[in-house]
Amino acid sequence: MKGSNYLYLGAEFGTYSVIRVLGALRRENQAYFYARNNAAVYKAAQAELLECFCPASSSWRESVLEQGMTIIKQAHKAASGLA
């Protein structure tokens, strides 16, 4: 919008190695095109892909929440100085 100032923020929190994530993406893509939706291989590929992007580890999730809150507080502090 004309005359408006926008501030934005993006944060990336890593999960697993790039090799594991790429492998999971490839297996899920292959299962999507060549396996039935209810096949065990398709369900396993989906589960691995979910784990790669949203790990079930409670310690990982807690760490990401702590890091995220730190980023938000730092961004708020920086943005307050711009007003």
PDB file of N, CA and C in Angstrom:
ATOM      1  N   MET A   1       0.847  -1.173   0.000  1.00  0.00           N
ATOM      2  CA  MET A   1       0.000   0.000   0.000  1.00  0.00           C
ATOM      3  C   MET A   1       0.895   1.240   0.000  1.00  0.00           C
ATOM      4  N   LYS A   2       0.536   2.218  -0.781  1.00  0.00           N
ATOM      5  CA  LYS A   2       1.327   3.442  -0.917  1.00  0.00           C
ATOM      6  C   LYS A   2       1.417   4.173   0.428  1.00  0.00           C
ATOM      7  N   GLY A   3       2.624   4.576   0.786  1.00  0.00           N
ATOM      8  CA  GLY A   3       2.824   5.317   2.023  1.00  0.00           C
ATOM      9  C   GLY A   3       2.935   4.453   3.265  1.00  0.00           C
ATOM     10  N   SER A   4       2.916   3.139   3.093  1.00  0.00           N
ATOM     11  CA  SER A   4       3.002   2.231   4.242  1.00  0.00           C
ATOM     12  C   SER A   4       4.404   1.642   4.353  1.00  0.00           C
ATOM     13  N   ASN A   5       4.787   1.375   5.567  1.00  0.00           N
ATOM     14  CA  ASN A   5       6.053   0.693   5.818  1.00  0.00           C
ATOM     15  C   ASN A   5       5.742  -0.716   6.298  1.00  0.00           C
ATOM     16  N   TYR A   6       6.444  -1.677   5.743  1.00  0.00           N
ATOM     17  CA  TYR A   6       6.243  -3.065   6.132  1.00  0.00           C
ATOM     18  C   TYR A   6       7.531  -3.622   6.715  1.00  0.00           C
ATOM     19  N   LEU A   7       7.401  -4.346   7.761  1.00  0.00           N
ATOM     20  CA  LEU A   7       8.507  -5.089   8.343  1.00  0.00           C
ATOM     21  C   LEU A   7       8.143  -6.561   8.283  1.00  0.00           C
ATOM     22  N   TYR A   8       9.087  -7.388   7.949  1.00  0.00           N
ATOM     23  CA  TYR A   8       8.813  -8.818   7.896  1.00  0.00           C
ATOM     24  C   TYR A   8      10.007  -9.574   8.438  1.00  0.00           C
ATOM     25  N   LEU A   9       9.759 -10.809   8.783  1.00  0.00           N
ATOM     26  CA  LEU A   9      10.801 -11.631   9.379  1.00  0.00           C
ATOM     27  C   LEU A   9      10.604 -13.066   8.931  1.00  0.00           C
ATOM     28  N   GLY A  10      11.682 -13.717   8.625  1.00  0.00           N
ATOM     29  CA  GLY A  10      11.644 -15.138   8.285  1.00  0.00           C
ATOM     30  C   GLY A  10      12.711 -15.853   9.103  1.00  0.00           C
ATOM     31  N   ALA A  11      12.413 -17.022   9.567  1.00  0.00           N
ATOM     32  CA  ALA A  11      13.377 -17.806  10.348  1.00  0.00           C
ATOM     33  C   ALA A  11      13.337 -19.250   9.864  1.00  0.00           C
ATOM     34  N   GLU A  12      14.485 -19.853   9.786  1.00  0.00           N
ATOM     35  CA  GLU A  12      14.600 -21.256   9.363  1.00  0.00           C
ATOM     36  C   GLU A  12      15.240 -22.044  10.499  1.00  0.00           C
ATOM     37  N   PHE A  13      14.586 -23.115  10.882  1.00  0.00           N
ATOM     38  CA  PHE A  13      15.102 -23.989  11.933  1.00  0.00           C
ATOM     39  C   PHE A  13      15.386 -25.347  11.311  1.00  0.00           C
ATOM     40  N   GLY A  14      16.635 -25.720  11.271  1.00  0.00           N
ATOM     41  CA  GLY A  14      17.032 -26.969  10.641  1.00  0.00           C
ATOM     42  C   GLY A  14      16.533 -28.187  11.389  1.00  0.00           C
ATOM     43  N   THR A  15      16.431 -29.274  10.665  1.00  0.00           N
ATOM     44  CA  THR A  15      15.982 -30.525  11.259  1.00  0.00           C
ATOM     45  C   THR A  15      17.052 -31.592  11.074  1.00  0.00           C
ATOM     46  N   TYR A  16      17.078 -32.210   9.927  1.00  0.00           N
ATOM     47  CA  TYR A  16      18.005 -33.303   9.653  1.00  0.00           C
ATOM     48  C   TYR A  16      18.958 -32.920   8.526  1.00  0.00           C
ATOM     49  N   SER A  17      19.885 -33.800   8.241  1.00  0.00           N
ATOM     50  CA  SER A  17      20.863 -33.527   7.184  1.00  0.00           C
ATOM     51  C   SER A  17      20.160 -33.357   5.842  1.00  0.00           C
ATOM     52  N   VAL A  18      20.826 -32.623   4.980  1.00  0.00           N
ATOM     53  CA  VAL A  18      20.268 -32.376   3.650  1.00  0.00           C
ATOM     54  C   VAL A  18      20.078 -33.688   2.880  1.00  0.00           C
ATOM     55  N   ILE A  19      20.956 -34.639   3.075  1.00  0.00           N
ATOM     56  CA  ILE A  19      20.842 -35.940   2.391  1.00  0.00           C
ATOM     57  C   ILE A  19      19.572 -36.662   2.836  1.00  0.00           C
ATOM     58  N   ARG A  20      19.302 -36.649   4.141  1.00  0.00           N
ATOM     59  CA  ARG A  20      18.089 -37.316   4.636  1.00  0.00           C
ATOM     60  C   ARG A  20      16.835 -36.620   4.103  1.00  0.00           C
ATOM     61  N   VAL A  21      16.815 -35.301   4.142  1.00  0.00           N
ATOM     62  CA  VAL A  21      15.639 -34.557   3.682  1.00  0.00           C
ATOM     63  C   VAL A  21      15.410 -34.770   2.182  1.00  0.00           C
ATOM     64  N   LEU A  22      16.462 -34.690   1.389  1.00  0.00           N
ATOM     65  CA  LEU A  22      16.315 -34.931  -0.054  1.00  0.00           C
ATOM     66  C   LEU A  22      15.854 -36.359  -0.337  1.00  0.00           C
ATOM     67  N   GLY A  23      16.391 -37.306   0.416  1.00  0.00           N
ATOM     68  CA  GLY A  23      15.956 -38.697   0.255  1.00  0.00           C
ATOM     69  C   GLY A  23      14.478 -38.861   0.578  1.00  0.00           C
ATOM     70  N   ALA A  24      14.041 -38.204   1.641  1.00  0.00           N
ATOM     71  CA  ALA A  24      12.625 -38.279   2.022  1.00  0.00           C
ATOM     72  C   ALA A  24      11.736 -37.643   0.961  1.00  0.00           C
ATOM     73  N   LEU A  25      12.165 -36.514   0.425  1.00  0.00           N
ATOM     74  CA  LEU A  25      11.404 -35.866  -0.649  1.00  0.00           C
ATOM     75  C   LEU A  25      11.311 -36.765  -1.880  1.00  0.00           C
ATOM     76  N   ARG A  26      12.427 -37.373  -2.238  1.00  0.00           N
ATOM     77  CA  ARG A  26      12.445 -38.260  -3.407  1.00  0.00           C
ATOM     78  C   ARG A  26      11.546 -39.469  -3.198  1.00  0.00           C
ATOM     79  N   ARG A  27      11.648 -40.101  -2.016  1.00  0.00           N
ATOM     80  CA  ARG A  27      10.815 -41.292  -1.749  1.00  0.00           C
ATOM     81  C   ARG A  27       9.326 -40.950  -1.722  1.00  0.00           C
ATOM     82  N   GLU A  28       8.981 -39.798  -1.146  1.00  0.00           N
ATOM     83  CA  GLU A  28       7.568 -39.411  -1.106  1.00  0.00           C
ATOM     84  C   GLU A  28       7.063 -39.121  -2.514  1.00  0.00           C
ATOM     85  N   ASN A  29       7.887 -38.460  -3.328  1.00  0.00           N
ATOM     86  CA  ASN A  29       7.500 -38.168  -4.701  1.00  0.00           C
ATOM     87  C   ASN A  29       7.310 -39.458  -5.493  1.00  0.00           C
ATOM     88  N   GLN A  30       8.232 -40.384  -5.319  1.00  0.00           N
ATOM     89  CA  GLN A  30       8.136 -41.670  -6.011  1.00  0.00           C
ATOM     90  C   GLN A  30       6.884 -42.432  -5.561  1.00  0.00           C
ATOM     91  N   ALA A  31       6.633 -42.445  -4.274  1.00  0.00           N
ATOM     92  CA  ALA A  31       5.455 -43.144  -3.760  1.00  0.00           C
ATOM     93  C   ALA A  31       4.168 -42.482  -4.258  1.00  0.00           C
ATOM     94  N   TYR A  32       4.171 -41.160  -4.340  1.00  0.00           N
ATOM     95  CA  TYR A  32       2.993 -40.435  -4.814  1.00  0.00           C
ATOM     96  C   TYR A  32       2.619 -40.871  -6.228  1.00  0.00           C
ATOM     97  N   PHE A  33       3.617 -41.026  -7.074  1.00  0.00           N
ATOM     98  CA  PHE A  33       3.347 -41.352  -8.473  1.00  0.00           C
ATOM     99  C   PHE A  33       3.236 -42.852  -8.751  1.00  0.00           C
ATOM    100  N   TYR A  34       3.846 -43.703  -7.940  1.00  0.00           N
ATOM    101  CA  TYR A  34       3.908 -45.117  -8.289  1.00  0.00           C
ATOM    102  C   TYR A  34       3.309 -46.077  -7.262  1.00  0.00           C
ATOM    103  N   ALA A  35       2.862 -45.588  -6.126  1.00  0.00           N
ATOM    104  CA  ALA A  35       2.271 -46.480  -5.117  1.00  0.00           C
ATOM    105  C   ALA A  35       0.818 -46.090  -4.871  1.00  0.00           C
ATOM    106  N   ARG A  36       0.073 -47.022  -4.385  1.00  0.00           N
ATOM    107  CA  ARG A  36      -1.321 -46.724  -4.000  1.00  0.00           C
ATOM    108  C   ARG A  36      -1.310 -45.924  -2.701  1.00  0.00           C
ATOM    109  N   ASN A  37      -2.339 -45.076  -2.532  1.00  0.00           N
ATOM    110  CA  ASN A  37      -2.415 -44.223  -1.338  1.00  0.00           C
ATOM    111  C   ASN A  37      -2.399 -45.002  -0.034  1.00  0.00           C
ATOM    112  N   ASN A  38      -2.938 -46.195  -0.032  1.00  0.00           N
ATOM    113  CA  ASN A  38      -3.011 -46.967   1.209  1.00  0.00           C
ATOM    114  C   ASN A  38      -1.866 -47.978   1.335  1.00  0.00           C
ATOM    115  N   ALA A  39      -0.913 -47.965   0.418  1.00  0.00           N
ATOM    116  CA  ALA A  39       0.215 -48.895   0.462  1.00  0.00           C
ATOM    117  C   ALA A  39       1.147 -48.532   1.613  1.00  0.00           C
ATOM    118  N   ALA A  40       1.743 -49.530   2.221  1.00  0.00           N
ATOM    119  CA  ALA A  40       2.646 -49.321   3.353  1.00  0.00           C
ATOM    120  C   ALA A  40       3.826 -48.436   2.958  1.00  0.00           C
ATOM    121  N   VAL A  41       4.351 -48.624   1.747  1.00  0.00           N
ATOM    122  CA  VAL A  41       5.494 -47.822   1.302  1.00  0.00           C
ATOM    123  C   VAL A  41       5.112 -46.348   1.179  1.00  0.00           C
ATOM    124  N   TYR A  42       3.896 -46.068   0.762  1.00  0.00           N
ATOM    125  CA  TYR A  42       3.425 -44.689   0.646  1.00  0.00           C
ATOM    126  C   TYR A  42       3.268 -44.065   2.024  1.00  0.00           C
ATOM    127  N   LYS A  43       2.678 -44.798   2.953  1.00  0.00           N
ATOM    128  CA  LYS A  43       2.500 -44.297   4.319  1.00  0.00           C
ATOM    129  C   LYS A  43       3.842 -44.074   5.001  1.00  0.00           C
ATOM    130  N   ALA A  44       4.795 -44.968   4.773  1.00  0.00           N
ATOM    131  CA  ALA A  44       6.131 -44.815   5.358  1.00  0.00           C
ATOM    132  C   ALA A  44       6.831 -43.581   4.785  1.00  0.00           C
ATOM    133  N   ALA A  45       6.694 -43.363   3.491  1.00  0.00           N
ATOM    134  CA  ALA A  45       7.308 -42.193   2.853  1.00  0.00           C
ATOM    135  C   ALA A  45       6.704 -40.899   3.395  1.00  0.00           C
ATOM    136  N   GLN A  46       5.393 -40.888   3.591  1.00  0.00           N
ATOM    137  CA  GLN A  46       4.729 -39.712   4.151  1.00  0.00           C
ATOM    138  C   GLN A  46       5.198 -39.458   5.586  1.00  0.00           C
ATOM    139  N   ALA A  47       5.303 -40.512   6.366  1.00  0.00           N
ATOM    140  CA  ALA A  47       5.724 -40.376   7.763  1.00  0.00           C
ATOM    141  C   ALA A  47       7.155 -39.839   7.854  1.00  0.00           C
ATOM    142  N   GLU A  48       8.040 -40.335   6.997  1.00  0.00           N
ATOM    143  CA  GLU A  48       9.429 -39.860   7.000  1.00  0.00           C
ATOM    144  C   GLU A  48       9.508 -38.398   6.568  1.00  0.00           C
ATOM    145  N   LEU A  49       8.724 -38.012   5.585  1.00  0.00           N
ATOM    146  CA  LEU A  49       8.727 -36.626   5.140  1.00  0.00           C
ATOM    147  C   LEU A  49       8.219 -35.700   6.247  1.00  0.00           C
ATOM    148  N   LEU A  50       7.166 -36.110   6.925  1.00  0.00           N
ATOM    149  CA  LEU A  50       6.649 -35.325   8.043  1.00  0.00           C
ATOM    150  C   LEU A  50       7.714 -35.177   9.121  1.00  0.00           C
ATOM    151  N   GLU A  51       8.401 -36.259   9.443  1.00  0.00           N
ATOM    152  CA  GLU A  51       9.459 -36.220  10.454  1.00  0.00           C
ATOM    153  C   GLU A  51      10.583 -35.278  10.031  1.00  0.00           C
ATOM    154  N   CYS A  52      10.911 -35.258   8.754  1.00  0.00           N
ATOM    155  CA  CYS A  52      11.993 -34.401   8.268  1.00  0.00           C
ATOM    156  C   CYS A  52      11.668 -32.916   8.386  1.00  0.00           C
ATOM    157  N   PHE A  53      10.400 -32.563   8.270  1.00  0.00           N
ATOM    158  CA  PHE A  53      10.024 -31.155   8.336  1.00  0.00           C
ATOM    159  C   PHE A  53       9.408 -30.743   9.663  1.00  0.00           C
ATOM    160  N   CYS A  54       8.981 -31.715  10.455  1.00  0.00           N
ATOM    161  CA  CYS A  54       8.370 -31.431  11.757  1.00  0.00           C
ATOM    162  C   CYS A  54       8.718 -32.566  12.713  1.00  0.00           C
ATOM    163  N   PRO A  55       9.965 -32.583  13.211  1.00  0.00           N
ATOM    164  CA  PRO A  55      10.406 -33.688  14.065  1.00  0.00           C
ATOM    165  C   PRO A  55       9.528 -33.865  15.310  1.00  0.00           C
ATOM    166  N   ALA A  56       9.347 -35.112  15.686  1.00  0.00           N
ATOM    167  CA  ALA A  56       8.535 -35.437  16.861  1.00  0.00           C
ATOM    168  C   ALA A  56       9.284 -35.198  18.169  1.00  0.00           C
ATOM    169  N   SER A  57      10.581 -35.008  18.096  1.00  0.00           N
ATOM    170  CA  SER A  57      11.409 -34.819  19.285  1.00  0.00           C
ATOM    171  C   SER A  57      10.945 -33.615  20.107  1.00  0.00           C
ATOM    172  N   SER A  58      10.587 -33.867  21.357  1.00  0.00           N
ATOM    173  CA  SER A  58      10.130 -32.769  22.218  1.00  0.00           C
ATOM    174  C   SER A  58      11.278 -31.802  22.518  1.00  0.00           C
ATOM    175  N   SER A  59      12.502 -32.306  22.617  1.00  0.00           N
ATOM    176  CA  SER A  59      13.633 -31.403  22.881  1.00  0.00           C
ATOM    177  C   SER A  59      13.883 -30.490  21.678  1.00  0.00           C
ATOM    178  N   TRP A  60      13.744 -31.015  20.453  1.00  0.00           N
ATOM    179  CA  TRP A  60      13.901 -30.166  19.263  1.00  0.00           C
ATOM    180  C   TRP A  60      12.823 -29.093  19.245  1.00  0.00           C
ATOM    181  N   ARG A  61      11.590 -29.491  19.518  1.00  0.00           N
ATOM    182  CA  ARG A  61      10.473 -28.535  19.490  1.00  0.00           C
ATOM    183  C   ARG A  61      10.641 -27.447  20.552  1.00  0.00           C
ATOM    184  N   GLU A  62      11.067 -27.836  21.755  1.00  0.00           N
ATOM    185  CA  GLU A  62      11.285 -26.856  22.817  1.00  0.00           C
ATOM    186  C   GLU A  62      12.402 -25.891  22.437  1.00  0.00           C
ATOM    187  N   SER A  63      13.461 -26.414  21.847  1.00  0.00           N
ATOM    188  CA  SER A  63      14.584 -25.574  21.413  1.00  0.00           C
ATOM    189  C   SER A  63      14.141 -24.575  20.347  1.00  0.00           C
ATOM    190  N   VAL A  64      13.347 -25.028  19.396  1.00  0.00           N
ATOM    191  CA  VAL A  64      12.855 -24.152  18.337  1.00  0.00           C
ATOM    192  C   VAL A  64      11.945 -23.067  18.919  1.00  0.00           C
ATOM    193  N   LEU A  65      11.108 -23.431  19.875  1.00  0.00           N
ATOM    194  CA  LEU A  65      10.244 -22.426  20.504  1.00  0.00           C
ATOM    195  C   LEU A  65      11.078 -21.374  21.240  1.00  0.00           C
ATOM    196  N   GLU A  66      12.097 -21.817  21.965  1.00  0.00           N
ATOM    197  CA  GLU A  66      12.970 -20.872  22.669  1.00  0.00           C
ATOM    198  C   GLU A  66      13.683 -19.948  21.687  1.00  0.00           C
ATOM    199  N   GLN A  67      14.238 -20.525  20.630  1.00  0.00           N
ATOM    200  CA  GLN A  67      14.926 -19.721  19.618  1.00  0.00           C
ATOM    201  C   GLN A  67      13.957 -18.754  18.937  1.00  0.00           C
ATOM    202  N   GLY A  68      12.776 -19.225  18.640  1.00  0.00           N
ATOM    203  CA  GLY A  68      11.770 -18.384  18.000  1.00  0.00           C
ATOM    204  C   GLY A  68      11.359 -17.210  18.872  1.00  0.00           C
ATOM    205  N   MET A  69      11.180 -17.469  20.157  1.00  0.00           N
ATOM    206  CA  MET A  69      10.809 -16.387  21.072  1.00  0.00           C
ATOM    207  C   MET A  69      11.944 -15.365  21.189  1.00  0.00           C
ATOM    208  N   THR A  70      13.173 -15.832  21.185  1.00  0.00           N
ATOM    209  CA  THR A  70      14.320 -14.922  21.219  1.00  0.00           C
ATOM    210  C   THR A  70      14.326 -14.033  19.982  1.00  0.00           C
ATOM    211  N   ILE A  71      14.095 -14.624  18.829  1.00  0.00           N
ATOM    212  CA  ILE A  71      14.054 -13.856  17.578  1.00  0.00           C
ATOM    213  C   ILE A  71      12.937 -12.821  17.614  1.00  0.00           C
ATOM    214  N   ILE A  72      11.765 -13.219  18.099  1.00  0.00           N
ATOM    215  CA  ILE A  72      10.625 -12.292  18.166  1.00  0.00           C
ATOM    216  C   ILE A  72      10.932 -11.125  19.100  1.00  0.00           C
ATOM    217  N   LYS A  73      11.531 -11.419  20.246  1.00  0.00           N
ATOM    218  CA  LYS A  73      11.879 -10.352  21.192  1.00  0.00           C
ATOM    219  C   LYS A  73      12.910  -9.404  20.594  1.00  0.00           C
ATOM    220  N   GLN A  74      13.911  -9.954  19.906  1.00  0.00           N
ATOM    221  CA  GLN A  74      14.920  -9.109  19.271  1.00  0.00           C
ATOM    222  C   GLN A  74      14.310  -8.263  18.166  1.00  0.00           C
ATOM    223  N   ALA A  75      13.411  -8.855  17.393  1.00  0.00           N
ATOM    224  CA  ALA A  75      12.754  -8.110  16.310  1.00  0.00           C
ATOM    225  C   ALA A  75      11.868  -6.999  16.871  1.00  0.00           C
ATOM    226  N   HIS A  76      11.158  -7.303  17.941  1.00  0.00           N
ATOM    227  CA  HIS A  76      10.285  -6.294  18.571  1.00  0.00           C
ATOM    228  C   HIS A  76      11.122  -5.139  19.094  1.00  0.00           C
ATOM    229  N   LYS A  77      12.239  -5.457  19.735  1.00  0.00           N
ATOM    230  CA  LYS A  77      13.131  -4.428  20.261  1.00  0.00           C
ATOM    231  C   LYS A  77      13.678  -3.553  19.130  1.00  0.00           C
ATOM    232  N   ALA A  78      14.101  -4.188  18.053  1.00  0.00           N
ATOM    233  CA  ALA A  78      14.629  -3.441  16.901  1.00  0.00           C
ATOM    234  C   ALA A  78      13.550  -2.583  16.251  1.00  0.00           C
ATOM    235  N   ALA A  79      12.341  -3.142  16.113  1.00  0.00           N
ATOM    236  CA  ALA A  79      11.252  -2.404  15.480  1.00  0.00           C
ATOM    237  C   ALA A  79      10.793  -1.237  16.349  1.00  0.00           C
ATOM    238  N   SER A  80      10.875  -1.395  17.644  1.00  0.00           N
ATOM    239  CA  SER A  80      10.478  -0.316  18.553  1.00  0.00           C
ATOM    240  C   SER A  80      11.381   0.889  18.389  1.00  0.00           C
ATOM    241  N   GLY A  81      12.631   0.653  18.068  1.00  0.00           N
ATOM    242  CA  GLY A  81      13.570   1.734  17.850  1.00  0.00           C
ATOM    243  C   GLY A  81      13.330   2.476  16.551  1.00  0.00           C
ATOM    244  N   LEU A  82      12.553   1.892  15.643  1.00  0.00           N
ATOM    245  CA  LEU A  82      12.260   2.525  14.358  1.00  0.00           C
ATOM    246  C   LEU A  82      11.069   3.466  14.431  1.00  0.00           C
ATOM    247  N   ALA A  83      10.260   3.313  15.453  1.00  0.00           N
ATOM    248  CA  ALA A  83       9.007   4.099  15.532  1.00  0.00           C
ATOM    249  C   ALA A  83       9.253   5.566  15.814  1.00  0.00           C
TER     250      ALA A  83
END
